[in-house]
């Protein structure tokens, strides 16, 4: 949802705090968004690749985007604060 709706506010990843805005990328098609997510997960963080991990599909992205289609950046920030933050962010 961060990629689709954006994110605004403060987030903490490990010991680093970030403040700012991630603009929404709503113009991306579901397959393009899946490709971006898979690239980030496979290129930037080996911690996210656990046994049984499978790449995101366009269909999965579409289902999530549809479910949260009314969400904006502040809604995503509120959602993210509810997720346990152990390990991978």
PDB file of N, CA and C in Angstrom:
ATOM      1  N   UNK A   1       0.811  -1.191   0.000  1.00  0.00           N
ATOM      2  CA  UNK A   1       0.000   0.000   0.000  1.00  0.00           C
ATOM      3  C   UNK A   1       0.857   1.259   0.000  1.00  0.00           C
ATOM      4  N   UNK A   2       2.068   1.193   0.541  1.00  0.00           N
ATOM      5  CA  UNK A   2       2.942   2.361   0.508  1.00  0.00           C
ATOM      6  C   UNK A   2       3.201   2.769  -0.938  1.00  0.00           C
ATOM      7  N   UNK A   3       3.460   1.820  -1.789  1.00  0.00           N
ATOM      8  CA  UNK A   3       3.734   2.118  -3.189  1.00  0.00           C
ATOM      9  C   UNK A   3       2.485   2.661  -3.884  1.00  0.00           C
ATOM     10  N   UNK A   4       1.355   2.103  -3.606  1.00  0.00           N
ATOM     11  CA  UNK A   4       0.121   2.497  -4.276  1.00  0.00           C
ATOM     12  C   UNK A   4      -0.464   3.806  -3.753  1.00  0.00           C
ATOM     13  N   UNK A   5      -0.534   3.970  -2.442  1.00  0.00           N
ATOM     14  CA  UNK A   5      -1.194   5.138  -1.844  1.00  0.00           C
ATOM     15  C   UNK A   5      -0.221   6.173  -1.295  1.00  0.00           C
ATOM     16  N   UNK A   6       1.049   5.805  -1.187  1.00  0.00           N
ATOM     17  CA  UNK A   6       2.026   6.719  -0.597  1.00  0.00           C
ATOM     18  C   UNK A   6       2.096   6.544   0.912  1.00  0.00           C
ATOM     19  N   UNK A   7       2.949   7.350   1.539  1.00  0.00           N
ATOM     20  CA  UNK A   7       3.122   7.298   2.994  1.00  0.00           C
ATOM     21  C   UNK A   7       3.589   8.662   3.449  1.00  0.00           C
ATOM     22  N   UNK A   8       3.020   9.126   4.544  1.00  0.00           N
ATOM     23  CA  UNK A   8       3.420  10.412   5.100  1.00  0.00           C
ATOM     24  C   UNK A   8       3.634  10.249   6.599  1.00  0.00           C
ATOM     25  N   UNK A   9       4.620  10.954   7.128  1.00  0.00           N
ATOM     26  CA  UNK A   9       4.865  10.910   8.566  1.00  0.00           C
ATOM     27  C   UNK A   9       6.177  10.245   8.911  1.00  0.00           C
ATOM     28  N   UNK A  10       6.307   9.943  10.171  1.00  0.00           N
ATOM     29  CA  UNK A  10       7.542   9.365  10.705  1.00  0.00           C
ATOM     30  C   UNK A  10       7.445   7.850  10.742  1.00  0.00           C
ATOM     31  N   UNK A  11       8.520   7.192  10.291  1.00  0.00           N
ATOM     32  CA  UNK A  11       8.615   5.737  10.429  1.00  0.00           C
ATOM     33  C   UNK A  11       9.990   5.408  10.968  1.00  0.00           C
ATOM     34  N   UNK A  12      10.068   4.304  11.682  1.00  0.00           N
ATOM     35  CA  UNK A  12      11.345   3.851  12.226  1.00  0.00           C
ATOM     36  C   UNK A  12      11.654   2.479  11.641  1.00  0.00           C
ATOM     37  N   UNK A  13      12.846   2.350  11.095  1.00  0.00           N
ATOM     38  CA  UNK A  13      13.311   1.086  10.536  1.00  0.00           C
ATOM     39  C   UNK A  13      14.601   0.749  11.257  1.00  0.00           C
ATOM     40  N   UNK A  14      14.561  -0.364  11.975  1.00  0.00           N
ATOM     41  CA  UNK A  14      15.660  -0.744  12.855  1.00  0.00           C
ATOM     42  C   UNK A  14      15.923   0.420  13.817  1.00  0.00           C
ATOM     43  N   UNK A  15      17.077   1.046  13.756  1.00  0.00           N
ATOM     44  CA  UNK A  15      17.372   2.157  14.678  1.00  0.00           C
ATOM     45  C   UNK A  15      17.277   3.518  13.999  1.00  0.00           C
ATOM     46  N   UNK A  16      16.928   3.539  12.724  1.00  0.00           N
ATOM     47  CA  UNK A  16      16.872   4.788  11.957  1.00  0.00           C
ATOM     48  C   UNK A  16      15.439   5.309  11.870  1.00  0.00           C
ATOM     49  N   UNK A  17      15.259   6.603  12.128  1.00  0.00           N
ATOM     50  CA  UNK A  17      13.955   7.243  11.994  1.00  0.00           C
ATOM     51  C   UNK A  17      13.946   8.088  10.731  1.00  0.00           C
ATOM     52  N   UNK A  18      12.871   7.965   9.967  1.00  0.00           N
ATOM     53  CA  UNK A  18      12.707   8.730   8.734  1.00  0.00           C
ATOM     54  C   UNK A  18      11.454   9.577   8.845  1.00  0.00           C
ATOM     55  N   UNK A  19      11.528  10.803   8.336  1.00  0.00           N
ATOM     56  CA  UNK A  19      10.376  11.700   8.302  1.00  0.00           C
ATOM     57  C   UNK A  19      10.246  12.231   6.884  1.00  0.00           C
ATOM     58  N   UNK A  20       9.049  12.172   6.365  1.00  0.00           N
ATOM     59  CA  UNK A  20       8.889  12.705   5.020  1.00  0.00           C
ATOM     60  C   UNK A  20       7.655  12.168   4.330  1.00  0.00           C
ATOM     61  N   UNK A  21       7.747  12.156   3.016  1.00  0.00           N
ATOM     62  CA  UNK A  21       6.627  11.761   2.185  1.00  0.00           C
ATOM     63  C   UNK A  21       7.100  10.835   1.076  1.00  0.00           C
ATOM     64  N   UNK A  22       6.410   9.724   0.927  1.00  0.00           N
ATOM     65  CA  UNK A  22       6.612   8.830  -0.220  1.00  0.00           C
ATOM     66  C   UNK A  22       5.393   9.065  -1.098  1.00  0.00           C
ATOM     67  N   UNK A  23       5.570   9.645  -2.284  1.00  0.00           N
ATOM     68  CA  UNK A  23       4.403   9.907  -3.131  1.00  0.00           C
ATOM     69  C   UNK A  23       3.778   8.613  -3.642  1.00  0.00           C
ATOM     70  N   UNK A  24       2.469   8.668  -3.822  1.00  0.00           N
ATOM     71  CA  UNK A  24       1.735   7.525  -4.369  1.00  0.00           C
ATOM     72  C   UNK A  24       2.157   7.275  -5.809  1.00  0.00           C
ATOM     73  N   UNK A  25       2.166   6.021  -6.179  1.00  0.00           N
ATOM     74  CA  UNK A  25       2.495   5.617  -7.549  1.00  0.00           C
ATOM     75  C   UNK A  25       1.268   4.977  -8.200  1.00  0.00           C
ATOM     76  N   UNK A  26       0.121   5.639  -8.065  1.00  0.00           N
ATOM     77  CA  UNK A  26      -1.136   5.079  -8.561  1.00  0.00           C
ATOM     78  C   UNK A  26      -1.157   4.850 -10.064  1.00  0.00           C
ATOM     79  N   UNK A  27      -0.276   5.522 -10.792  1.00  0.00           N
ATOM     80  CA  UNK A  27      -0.239   5.375 -12.237  1.00  0.00           C
ATOM     81  C   UNK A  27       0.345   4.063 -12.715  1.00  0.00           C
ATOM     82  N   UNK A  28       0.990   3.327 -11.827  1.00  0.00           N
ATOM     83  CA  UNK A  28       1.557   2.035 -12.215  1.00  0.00           C
ATOM     84  C   UNK A  28       0.457   0.991 -12.376  1.00  0.00           C
ATOM     85  N   UNK A  29       0.598   0.155 -13.372  1.00  0.00           N
ATOM     86  CA  UNK A  29      -0.318  -0.973 -13.537  1.00  0.00           C
ATOM     87  C   UNK A  29       0.047  -2.020 -12.491  1.00  0.00           C
ATOM     88  N   UNK A  30      -0.874  -2.943 -12.234  1.00  0.00           N
ATOM     89  CA  UNK A  30      -0.644  -3.969 -11.205  1.00  0.00           C
ATOM     90  C   UNK A  30       0.627  -4.773 -11.476  1.00  0.00           C
ATOM     91  N   UNK A  31       0.867  -5.149 -12.732  1.00  0.00           N
ATOM     92  CA  UNK A  31       2.064  -5.927 -13.068  1.00  0.00           C
ATOM     93  C   UNK A  31       3.329  -5.098 -12.846  1.00  0.00           C
ATOM     94  N   UNK A  32       3.262  -3.804 -13.156  1.00  0.00           N
ATOM     95  CA  UNK A  32       4.423  -2.931 -12.938  1.00  0.00           C
ATOM     96  C   UNK A  32       4.708  -2.773 -11.447  1.00  0.00           C
ATOM     97  N   UNK A  33       3.642  -2.635 -10.666  1.00  0.00           N
ATOM     98  CA  UNK A  33       3.810  -2.501  -9.222  1.00  0.00           C
ATOM     99  C   UNK A  33       4.389  -3.794  -8.631  1.00  0.00           C
ATOM    100  N   UNK A  34       3.928  -4.932  -9.089  1.00  0.00           N
ATOM    101  CA  UNK A  34       4.470  -6.214  -8.625  1.00  0.00           C
ATOM    102  C   UNK A  34       5.952  -6.303  -8.969  1.00  0.00           C
ATOM    103  N   UNK A  35       6.326  -5.847 -10.157  1.00  0.00           N
ATOM    104  CA  UNK A  35       7.730  -5.886 -10.574  1.00  0.00           C
ATOM    105  C   UNK A  35       8.587  -5.000  -9.677  1.00  0.00           C
ATOM    106  N   UNK A  36       8.098  -3.813  -9.334  1.00  0.00           N
ATOM    107  CA  UNK A  36       8.837  -2.910  -8.441  1.00  0.00           C
ATOM    108  C   UNK A  36       9.009  -3.553  -7.067  1.00  0.00           C
ATOM    109  N   UNK A  37       7.925  -4.072  -6.510  1.00  0.00           N
ATOM    110  CA  UNK A  37       7.990  -4.711  -5.189  1.00  0.00           C
ATOM    111  C   UNK A  37       8.974  -5.877  -5.193  1.00  0.00           C
ATOM    112  N   UNK A  38       8.921  -6.704  -6.218  1.00  0.00           N
ATOM    113  CA  UNK A  38       9.814  -7.860  -6.291  1.00  0.00           C
ATOM    114  C   UNK A  38      11.267  -7.426  -6.457  1.00  0.00           C
ATOM    115  N   UNK A  39      11.495  -6.374  -7.213  1.00  0.00           N
ATOM    116  CA  UNK A  39      12.859  -5.864  -7.376  1.00  0.00           C
ATOM    117  C   UNK A  39      13.411  -5.379  -6.041  1.00  0.00           C
ATOM    118  N   UNK A  40      12.613  -4.601  -5.325  1.00  0.00           N
ATOM    119  CA  UNK A  40      13.065  -4.080  -4.026  1.00  0.00           C
ATOM    120  C   UNK A  40      13.351  -5.232  -3.068  1.00  0.00           C
ATOM    121  N   UNK A  41      12.447  -6.186  -3.007  1.00  0.00           N
ATOM    122  CA  UNK A  41      12.619  -7.298  -2.067  1.00  0.00           C
ATOM    123  C   UNK A  41      13.822  -8.173  -2.403  1.00  0.00           C
ATOM    124  N   UNK A  42      14.127  -8.326  -3.671  1.00  0.00           N
ATOM    125  CA  UNK A  42      15.245  -9.194  -4.035  1.00  0.00           C
ATOM    126  C   UNK A  42      16.575  -8.451  -4.148  1.00  0.00           C
ATOM    127  N   UNK A  43      16.536  -7.142  -4.313  1.00  0.00           N
ATOM    128  CA  UNK A  43      17.763  -6.379  -4.500  1.00  0.00           C
ATOM    129  C   UNK A  43      18.256  -5.670  -3.255  1.00  0.00           C
ATOM    130  N   UNK A  44      17.348  -5.221  -2.409  1.00  0.00           N
ATOM    131  CA  UNK A  44      17.731  -4.367  -1.289  1.00  0.00           C
ATOM    132  C   UNK A  44      17.818  -5.090   0.037  1.00  0.00           C
ATOM    133  N   UNK A  45      17.137  -6.209   0.178  1.00  0.00           N
ATOM    134  CA  UNK A  45      17.102  -6.825   1.494  1.00  0.00           C
ATOM    135  C   UNK A  45      17.028  -8.337   1.397  1.00  0.00           C
ATOM    136  N   UNK A  46      18.110  -8.994   1.741  1.00  0.00           N
ATOM    137  CA  UNK A  46      18.079 -10.451   1.769  1.00  0.00           C
ATOM    138  C   UNK A  46      17.324 -10.953   2.995  1.00  0.00           C
ATOM    139  N   UNK A  47      17.103 -10.071   3.989  1.00  0.00           N
ATOM    140  CA  UNK A  47      16.358 -10.487   5.180  1.00  0.00           C
ATOM    141  C   UNK A  47      14.916 -10.833   4.857  1.00  0.00           C
ATOM    142  N   UNK A  48      14.365 -10.255   3.792  1.00  0.00           N
ATOM    143  CA  UNK A  48      12.964 -10.503   3.467  1.00  0.00           C
ATOM    144  C   UNK A  48      12.761 -11.825   2.753  1.00  0.00           C
ATOM    145  N   UNK A  49      13.822 -12.392   2.211  1.00  0.00           N
ATOM    146  CA  UNK A  49      13.690 -13.618   1.435  1.00  0.00           C
ATOM    147  C   UNK A  49      13.804 -14.840   2.333  1.00  0.00           C
ATOM    148  N   UNK A  50      12.699 -15.301   2.783  1.00  0.00           N
ATOM    149  CA  UNK A  50      12.639 -16.457   3.668  1.00  0.00           C
ATOM    150  C   UNK A  50      12.213 -17.682   2.862  1.00  0.00           C
ATOM    151  N   UNK A  51      12.453 -18.839   3.432  1.00  0.00           N
ATOM    152  CA  UNK A  51      12.061 -20.078   2.771  1.00  0.00           C
ATOM    153  C   UNK A  51      10.564 -20.030   2.469  1.00  0.00           C
ATOM    154  N   UNK A  52      10.217 -20.366   1.256  1.00  0.00           N
ATOM    155  CA  UNK A  52       8.824 -20.364   0.853  1.00  0.00           C
ATOM    156  C   UNK A  52       8.344 -19.032   0.285  1.00  0.00           C
ATOM    157  N   UNK A  53       9.231 -18.039   0.257  1.00  0.00           N
ATOM    158  CA  UNK A  53       8.850 -16.734  -0.290  1.00  0.00           C
ATOM    159  C   UNK A  53       8.549 -16.873  -1.765  1.00  0.00           C
ATOM    160  N   UNK A  54       7.507 -16.214  -2.208  1.00  0.00           N
ATOM    161  CA  UNK A  54       7.159 -16.200  -3.629  1.00  0.00           C
ATOM    162  C   UNK A  54       6.993 -14.753  -4.072  1.00  0.00           C
ATOM    163  N   UNK A  55       7.390 -14.431  -5.281  1.00  0.00           N
ATOM    164  CA  UNK A  55       7.240 -13.061  -5.778  1.00  0.00           C
ATOM    165  C   UNK A  55       5.770 -12.642  -5.807  1.00  0.00           C
ATOM    166  N   UNK A  56       5.560 -11.336  -5.653  1.00  0.00           N
ATOM    167  CA  UNK A  56       4.212 -10.795  -5.790  1.00  0.00           C
ATOM    168  C   UNK A  56       3.744 -10.972  -7.229  1.00  0.00           C
ATOM    169  N   UNK A  57       2.458 -11.201  -7.402  1.00  0.00           N
ATOM    170  CA  UNK A  57       1.865 -11.287  -8.735  1.00  0.00           C
ATOM    171  C   UNK A  57       0.997 -10.058  -8.973  1.00  0.00           C
ATOM    172  N   UNK A  58       0.723  -9.785 -10.233  1.00  0.00           N
ATOM    173  CA  UNK A  58      -0.161  -8.674 -10.581  1.00  0.00           C
ATOM    174  C   UNK A  58      -1.537  -8.873  -9.950  1.00  0.00           C
ATOM    175  N   UNK A  59      -2.006 -10.106  -9.911  1.00  0.00           N
ATOM    176  CA  UNK A  59      -3.310 -10.392  -9.321  1.00  0.00           C
ATOM    177  C   UNK A  59      -3.337 -10.046  -7.831  1.00  0.00           C
ATOM    178  N   UNK A  60      -2.299 -10.427  -7.101  1.00  0.00           N
ATOM    179  CA  UNK A  60      -2.229 -10.100  -5.667  1.00  0.00           C
ATOM    180  C   UNK A  60      -2.225  -8.583  -5.449  1.00  0.00           C
ATOM    181  N   UNK A  61      -1.438  -7.891  -6.241  1.00  0.00           N
ATOM    182  CA  UNK A  61      -1.381  -6.434  -6.124  1.00  0.00           C
ATOM    183  C   UNK A  61      -2.759  -5.833  -6.385  1.00  0.00           C
ATOM    184  N   UNK A  62      -3.424  -6.305  -7.425  1.00  0.00           N
ATOM    185  CA  UNK A  62      -4.758  -5.801  -7.754  1.00  0.00           C
ATOM    186  C   UNK A  62      -5.766  -6.026  -6.653  1.00  0.00           C
ATOM    187  N   UNK A  63      -5.709  -7.189  -6.018  1.00  0.00           N
ATOM    188  CA  UNK A  63      -6.637  -7.485  -4.924  1.00  0.00           C
ATOM    189  C   UNK A  63      -6.431  -6.530  -3.747  1.00  0.00           C
ATOM    190  N   UNK A  64      -5.181  -6.288  -3.392  1.00  0.00           N
ATOM    191  CA  UNK A  64      -4.882  -5.384  -2.273  1.00  0.00           C
ATOM    192  C   UNK A  64      -5.256  -3.945  -2.632  1.00  0.00           C
ATOM    193  N   UNK A  65      -4.902  -3.505  -3.826  1.00  0.00           N
ATOM    194  CA  UNK A  65      -5.228  -2.146  -4.248  1.00  0.00           C
ATOM    195  C   UNK A  65      -6.736  -1.922  -4.243  1.00  0.00           C
ATOM    196  N   UNK A  66      -7.483  -2.911  -4.709  1.00  0.00           N
ATOM    197  CA  UNK A  66      -8.936  -2.789  -4.735  1.00  0.00           C
ATOM    198  C   UNK A  66      -9.512  -2.728  -3.320  1.00  0.00           C
ATOM    199  N   UNK A  67      -8.974  -3.559  -2.435  1.00  0.00           N
ATOM    200  CA  UNK A  67      -9.471  -3.598  -1.063  1.00  0.00           C
ATOM    201  C   UNK A  67      -9.271  -2.256  -0.354  1.00  0.00           C
ATOM    202  N   UNK A  68      -8.168  -1.595  -0.627  1.00  0.00           N
ATOM    203  CA  UNK A  68      -7.828  -0.343   0.053  1.00  0.00           C
ATOM    204  C   UNK A  68      -7.847   0.854  -0.897  1.00  0.00           C
ATOM    205  N   UNK A  69      -8.699   0.821  -1.908  1.00  0.00           N
ATOM    206  CA  UNK A  69      -8.677   1.859  -2.947  1.00  0.00           C
ATOM    207  C   UNK A  69      -8.972   3.263  -2.429  1.00  0.00           C
ATOM    208  N   UNK A  70      -9.637   3.379  -1.300  1.00  0.00           N
ATOM    209  CA  UNK A  70      -9.937   4.711  -0.762  1.00  0.00           C
ATOM    210  C   UNK A  70      -8.834   5.236   0.160  1.00  0.00           C
ATOM    211  N   UNK A  71      -7.802   4.453   0.398  1.00  0.00           N
ATOM    212  CA  UNK A  71      -6.736   4.850   1.323  1.00  0.00           C
ATOM    213  C   UNK A  71      -5.815   5.889   0.699  1.00  0.00           C
ATOM    214  N   UNK A  72      -5.362   6.807   1.554  1.00  0.00           N
ATOM    215  CA  UNK A  72      -4.352   7.781   1.189  1.00  0.00           C
ATOM    216  C   UNK A  72      -3.107   7.555   2.026  1.00  0.00           C
ATOM    217  N   UNK A  73      -2.135   8.445   1.871  1.00  0.00           N
ATOM    218  CA  UNK A  73      -0.841   8.306   2.548  1.00  0.00           C
ATOM    219  C   UNK A  73      -0.974   8.269   4.069  1.00  0.00           C
ATOM    220  N   UNK A  74      -1.833   9.086   4.640  1.00  0.00           N
ATOM    221  CA  UNK A  74      -1.990   9.088   6.104  1.00  0.00           C
ATOM    222  C   UNK A  74      -2.682   7.815   6.587  1.00  0.00           C
ATOM    223  N   UNK A  75      -3.575   7.260   5.778  1.00  0.00           N
ATOM    224  CA  UNK A  75      -4.227   5.992   6.136  1.00  0.00           C
ATOM    225  C   UNK A  75      -3.201   4.857   6.159  1.00  0.00           C
ATOM    226  N   UNK A  76      -2.289   4.867   5.200  1.00  0.00           N
ATOM    227  CA  UNK A  76      -1.246   3.842   5.149  1.00  0.00           C
ATOM    228  C   UNK A  76      -0.326   3.972   6.359  1.00  0.00           C
ATOM    229  N   UNK A  77      -0.010   5.212   6.750  1.00  0.00           N
ATOM    230  CA  UNK A  77       0.828   5.428   7.940  1.00  0.00           C
ATOM    231  C   UNK A  77       0.140   4.872   9.180  1.00  0.00           C
ATOM    232  N   UNK A  78      -1.150   5.117   9.319  1.00  0.00           N
ATOM    233  CA  UNK A  78      -1.903   4.599  10.471  1.00  0.00           C
ATOM    234  C   UNK A  78      -1.933   3.071  10.447  1.00  0.00           C
ATOM    235  N   UNK A  79      -2.093   2.494   9.265  1.00  0.00           N
ATOM    236  CA  UNK A  79      -2.098   1.032   9.128  1.00  0.00           C
ATOM    237  C   UNK A  79      -0.743   0.468   9.520  1.00  0.00           C
ATOM    238  N   UNK A  80       0.313   1.132   9.074  1.00  0.00           N
ATOM    239  CA  UNK A  80       1.666   0.654   9.347  1.00  0.00           C
ATOM    240  C   UNK A  80       1.987   0.675  10.842  1.00  0.00           C
ATOM    241  N   UNK A  81       1.490   1.662  11.554  1.00  0.00           N
ATOM    242  CA  UNK A  81       1.743   1.742  13.012  1.00  0.00           C
ATOM    243  C   UNK A  81       1.136   0.554  13.761  1.00  0.00           C
ATOM    244  N   UNK A  82       0.149  -0.110  13.201  1.00  0.00           N
ATOM    245  CA  UNK A  82      -0.510  -1.244  13.852  1.00  0.00           C
ATOM    246  C   UNK A  82       0.207  -2.567  13.603  1.00  0.00           C
ATOM    247  N   UNK A  83       1.153  -2.576  12.665  1.00  0.00           N
ATOM    248  CA  UNK A  83       1.870  -3.809  12.303  1.00  0.00           C
ATOM    249  C   UNK A  83       3.041  -4.004  13.255  1.00  0.00           C
ATOM    250  N   UNK A  84       3.190  -5.201  13.820  1.00  0.00           N
ATOM    251  CA  UNK A  84       4.357  -5.441  14.679  1.00  0.00           C
ATOM    252  C   UNK A  84       5.646  -5.151  13.923  1.00  0.00           C
ATOM    253  N   UNK A  85       6.579  -4.486  14.560  1.00  0.00           N
ATOM    254  CA  UNK A  85       7.788  -4.017  13.882  1.00  0.00           C
ATOM    255  C   UNK A  85       9.030  -4.818  14.265  1.00  0.00           C
ATOM    256  N   UNK A  86       8.901  -6.090  14.458  1.00  0.00           N
ATOM    257  CA  UNK A  86      10.061  -6.921  14.783  1.00  0.00           C
ATOM    258  C   UNK A  86      10.777  -7.322  13.517  1.00  0.00           C
ATOM    259  N   UNK A  87      12.059  -7.053  13.442  1.00  0.00           N
ATOM    260  CA  UNK A  87      12.854  -7.486  12.302  1.00  0.00           C
ATOM    261  C   UNK A  87      12.638  -6.641  11.077  1.00  0.00           C
ATOM    262  N   UNK A  88      12.161  -7.253  10.022  1.00  0.00           N
ATOM    263  CA  UNK A  88      12.002  -6.593   8.724  1.00  0.00           C
ATOM    264  C   UNK A  88      10.873  -5.597   8.793  1.00  0.00           C
ATOM    265  N   UNK A  89      11.094  -4.434   8.224  1.00  0.00           N
ATOM    266  CA  UNK A  89      10.100  -3.366   8.221  1.00  0.00           C
ATOM    267  C   UNK A  89       9.357  -3.356   6.924  1.00  0.00           C
TER     268      UNK A  89
END
